[in-house]
């Protein structure tokens, strides 16, 4: 007789975390996506903030702390997250640097900026092609993408 597999029901709110679909259209590296996903996993859904250490993120994603720091800076430059330094006061009154406080920013402005950049690039490419058609005997302009 064949055994049935036990299905363990999962609560979609408690057992999963949301990751915006647009994250995959921004040209992020796998490391950036992994760090962003971990921050989304940790965030407070009301404040959009979390404060894991580089070490904690690294353990969860299989990266070193330096690599995590590199990807955090990259996500900041892209406008996906914001960070604030925190301090910890010890029992004896001394202050130490704490973990960064991460704020997950709305993704739509980043997506919109990407679309605007694509449109500007397409308009430039069209202008180069038009110039080259209108000046067949002159010096041709080459269009190269980075």
Protein backbone atom coordinates (compact mmCIF):
# COMPACT_ATOMS: atom_id res chain seq x y z
CA UNK A 1 0.00 0.00 0.00
CA UNK A 2 1.28 3.42 -0.91
CA UNK A 3 1.76 6.03 1.81
CA UNK A 4 0.33 9.47 1.35
CA UNK A 5 2.64 12.39 1.95
CA UNK A 6 1.62 14.60 4.80
CA UNK A 7 0.80 18.11 3.71
CA UNK A 8 1.61 20.78 6.26
CA UNK A 9 -0.59 23.81 5.68
CA UNK A 10 1.23 27.13 5.58
CA UNK A 11 -0.02 30.56 6.42
CA UNK A 12 0.74 32.87 3.45
CA UNK A 13 1.16 35.88 5.72
CA UNK A 14 3.32 34.28 8.38
CA UNK A 15 5.31 31.74 6.34
CA UNK A 16 6.15 33.78 3.22
CA UNK A 17 7.42 37.24 2.46
CA UNK A 18 6.63 39.46 -0.54
CA UNK A 19 9.25 40.19 -3.18
CA UNK A 20 8.19 42.68 -5.87
CA UNK A 21 8.14 41.20 -9.39
CA UNK A 22 9.86 44.35 -10.71
CA UNK A 23 13.06 43.42 -8.87
CA UNK A 24 13.89 41.04 -11.72
CA UNK A 25 13.62 43.74 -14.40
CA UNK A 26 16.14 46.14 -12.84
CA UNK A 27 19.30 44.39 -13.99
CA UNK A 28 20.41 43.52 -10.45
CA UNK A 29 23.13 40.94 -9.86
CA UNK A 30 22.28 37.73 -8.05
CA UNK A 31 24.09 39.03 -4.96
CA UNK A 32 22.05 42.24 -4.95
CA UNK A 33 18.83 40.25 -5.30
CA UNK A 34 19.86 37.92 -2.47
CA UNK A 35 20.64 40.80 -0.09
CA UNK A 36 17.47 42.67 -1.08
CA UNK A 37 15.39 39.52 -0.60
CA UNK A 38 16.88 38.92 2.85
CA UNK A 39 16.13 42.50 3.88
CA UNK A 40 12.55 42.06 2.65
CA UNK A 41 12.35 38.85 4.68
CA UNK A 42 13.50 40.68 7.85
CA UNK A 43 11.55 43.91 7.44
CA UNK A 44 8.75 45.03 9.71
CA UNK A 45 5.74 45.22 7.34
CA UNK A 46 4.43 48.36 9.05
CA UNK A 47 7.63 50.44 9.20
CA UNK A 48 9.48 48.84 6.23
CA UNK A 49 12.58 48.72 8.43
CA UNK A 50 14.94 46.06 9.75
CA UNK A 51 18.40 45.96 11.33
CA UNK A 52 20.31 42.73 10.61
CA UNK A 53 24.11 42.88 10.78
CA UNK A 54 26.33 42.32 7.74
CA UNK A 55 27.34 39.05 9.39
CA UNK A 56 23.73 37.88 9.76
CA UNK A 57 22.91 38.75 6.15
CA UNK A 58 26.12 37.01 5.07
CA UNK A 59 25.28 33.81 6.92
CA UNK A 60 21.80 33.73 5.38
CA UNK A 61 23.04 34.41 1.83
CA UNK A 62 26.39 32.61 1.87
CA UNK A 63 28.45 35.81 1.50
CA UNK A 64 31.21 37.45 3.46
CA UNK A 65 30.49 40.62 5.42
CA UNK A 66 32.55 42.67 2.94
CA UNK A 67 30.56 41.31 0.01
CA UNK A 68 27.29 42.10 1.80
CA UNK A 69 28.53 45.66 2.45
CA UNK A 70 29.31 46.04 -1.28
CA UNK A 71 25.80 44.95 -2.25
CA UNK A 72 24.18 47.14 0.41
CA UNK A 73 26.00 50.18 -1.04
CA UNK A 74 24.89 49.19 -4.52
CA UNK A 75 21.25 48.85 -3.44
CA UNK A 76 21.51 52.27 -1.78
CA UNK A 77 22.89 53.87 -4.96
CA UNK A 78 20.04 52.35 -6.96
CA UNK A 79 17.52 53.86 -4.53
CA UNK A 80 16.07 50.55 -3.32
CA UNK A 81 17.09 50.93 0.32
CA UNK A 82 18.21 53.60 2.73
CA UNK A 83 20.49 53.01 5.71
CA UNK A 84 21.05 54.83 8.98
CA UNK A 85 23.78 54.13 11.53
CA UNK A 86 22.63 53.20 15.02
CA UNK A 87 24.35 53.20 18.41
CA UNK A 88 24.13 50.81 21.32
CA UNK A 89 24.56 51.99 24.90
CA UNK A 90 26.13 49.36 27.15
CA UNK A 91 25.20 48.87 30.82
CA UNK A 92 28.28 50.81 31.90
CA UNK A 93 27.21 53.80 29.78
CA UNK A 94 29.67 53.36 26.90
CA UNK A 95 28.33 53.75 23.38
CA UNK A 96 29.21 51.47 20.47
CA UNK A 97 28.21 51.43 16.84
CA UNK A 98 25.16 49.25 16.26
CA UNK A 99 23.86 47.57 13.13
CA UNK A 100 22.62 49.68 10.28
CA UNK A 101 18.90 50.43 10.24
CA UNK A 102 17.64 49.52 6.77
CA UNK A 103 14.55 51.10 5.26
CA UNK A 104 13.11 49.39 2.19
CA UNK A 105 12.10 52.18 -0.20
CA UNK A 106 9.20 52.02 -2.69
CA UNK A 107 10.33 50.26 -5.86
CA UNK A 108 8.17 52.15 -8.37
CA UNK A 109 10.41 55.28 -8.59
CA UNK A 110 13.38 53.01 -9.41
CA UNK A 111 11.37 51.23 -12.11
CA UNK A 112 10.19 54.56 -13.55
CA UNK A 113 13.76 55.90 -13.64
CA UNK A 114 14.85 52.77 -15.50
CA UNK A 115 12.10 53.27 -18.09
CA UNK A 116 13.08 56.92 -18.54
CA UNK A 117 16.71 55.89 -19.08
CA UNK A 118 15.68 53.27 -21.65
CA UNK A 119 13.56 55.83 -23.49
CA UNK A 120 16.39 58.39 -23.54
CA UNK A 121 18.79 55.75 -24.85
CA UNK A 122 16.35 54.74 -27.60
CA UNK A 123 15.85 58.39 -28.60
CA UNK A 124 19.62 58.92 -28.77
CA UNK A 125 20.08 55.77 -30.85
CA UNK A 126 17.33 56.92 -33.25
CA UNK A 127 19.00 60.34 -33.61
CA UNK A 128 22.34 58.69 -34.43
CA UNK A 129 20.70 56.48 -37.06
CA UNK A 130 18.88 59.46 -38.59
CA UNK A 131 22.13 61.45 -38.77
CA UNK A 132 23.94 58.55 -40.43
CA UNK A 133 21.14 58.18 -43.02
CA UNK A 134 21.15 61.90 -43.80
CA UNK A 135 24.96 62.09 -44.11
CA UNK A 136 25.99 58.95 -46.00
CA UNK A 137 29.19 60.54 -47.38
CA UNK A 138 30.26 62.20 -44.14
CA UNK A 139 31.78 60.76 -41.04
CA UNK A 140 29.46 58.14 -39.54
CA UNK A 141 28.67 58.20 -35.84
CA UNK A 142 28.89 54.86 -34.15
CA UNK A 143 26.43 54.01 -31.44
CA UNK A 144 27.69 51.62 -28.78
CA UNK A 145 25.92 50.44 -25.66
CA UNK A 146 27.80 50.09 -22.43
